[in-house]
Protein backbone atom coordinates (compact mmCIF):
# COMPACT_ATOMS: atom_id res chain seq x y z
CA MET A 1 -0.17 0.22 0.06
CA ASP A 2 1.21 3.31 -0.84
CA ASP A 3 2.22 5.80 2.20
CA ILE A 4 -1.26 5.66 3.84
CA ARG A 5 -1.29 9.08 4.75
CA SER A 6 -1.74 10.31 1.10
CA TYR A 7 -5.02 8.89 1.07
CA ALA A 8 -7.93 11.80 1.22
CA THR A 9 -9.62 10.02 3.96
CA VAL A 10 -6.65 9.96 6.07
CA ARG A 11 -5.62 13.54 5.55
CA LYS A 12 -9.17 14.33 6.35
CA TRP A 13 -9.38 12.23 9.47
CA ILE A 14 -5.85 13.58 10.54
CA ALA A 15 -7.13 17.40 9.98
CA ASN A 16 -10.29 16.90 11.69
CA VAL A 17 -8.54 15.40 14.77
CA ASN A 18 -5.89 18.11 14.77
CA ARG A 19 -8.48 21.04 14.86
CA TYR A 20 -9.41 19.84 18.23
CA TYR A 21 -6.31 18.25 20.05
CA HIS A 22 -2.95 19.23 17.88
CA LEU A 23 -1.64 15.69 18.35
CA PRO A 24 2.19 15.39 17.19
CA ASP A 25 3.57 13.42 14.50
CA SER A 26 4.69 10.79 17.12
CA GLU A 27 1.01 10.29 18.20
CA TRP A 28 -0.32 9.52 15.03
CA ASN A 29 2.38 6.82 14.08
CA ASP A 30 0.71 4.09 15.76
CA ARG A 31 -2.78 5.19 14.70
CA VAL A 32 -1.76 5.25 10.95
CA ALA A 33 0.36 1.92 11.28
CA ALA A 34 -2.84 0.26 12.98
CA LEU A 35 -4.99 1.86 10.40
CA SER A 36 -2.44 0.46 7.36
CA THR A 37 -2.60 -3.06 9.02
CA PHE A 38 -6.44 -3.45 9.43
CA CYS A 39 -6.52 -2.25 5.42
CA ALA A 40 -3.75 -4.93 4.40
CA ARG A 41 -5.77 -7.52 6.03
CA VAL A 42 -9.09 -6.67 4.85
CA GLY A 43 -7.69 -6.07 1.34
CA THR A 44 -8.42 -2.54 0.49
CA ASP A 45 -7.40 1.18 1.18
CA PRO A 46 -8.69 3.93 3.43
CA ASP A 47 -10.70 5.80 1.05
CA ARG A 48 -12.36 2.49 -0.38
CA LEU A 49 -13.24 1.75 3.56
CA ILE A 50 -14.99 5.09 3.93
CA GLU A 51 -16.77 4.70 0.58
CA GLN A 52 -17.97 1.24 1.31
CA ALA A 53 -19.03 2.29 4.74
CA LEU A 54 -21.12 5.02 3.43
CA LYS A 55 -22.75 3.05 0.95
CA ASP A 56 -23.66 0.49 3.76
CA LYS A 57 -24.89 3.49 5.81
CA GLU A 58 -27.28 4.59 2.92
CA ARG A 59 -28.61 0.79 2.43
CA ARG A 60 -29.57 0.71 5.89
CA VAL A 61 -31.08 3.94 6.04
CA ASP A 62 -33.07 3.08 2.88
CA LEU A 63 -34.40 -0.24 4.56
CA MET A 64 -35.48 1.64 7.47
CA ARG A 65 -37.58 3.72 5.39
CA THR A 66 -39.14 1.53 3.29
CA LEU A 67 -40.10 -0.40 6.80
CA LYS A 68 -41.15 2.59 8.55
CA LYS A 69 -43.80 2.96 5.68
């Protein structure tokens, strides 16, 4: 996998967390390594992982809407 920090979703995640907590790079190393390991194990990258999660969420919301009728 390419440098995991180059993915848009990872950059957004880091920026959003750092907006409030201003974590040093040393704090991110383990977090980013864990994400990289997870993505490698499931055979995807962070952008695709988030994309799929959002699609799954949309499907659940659509299902709930149909059940509510």
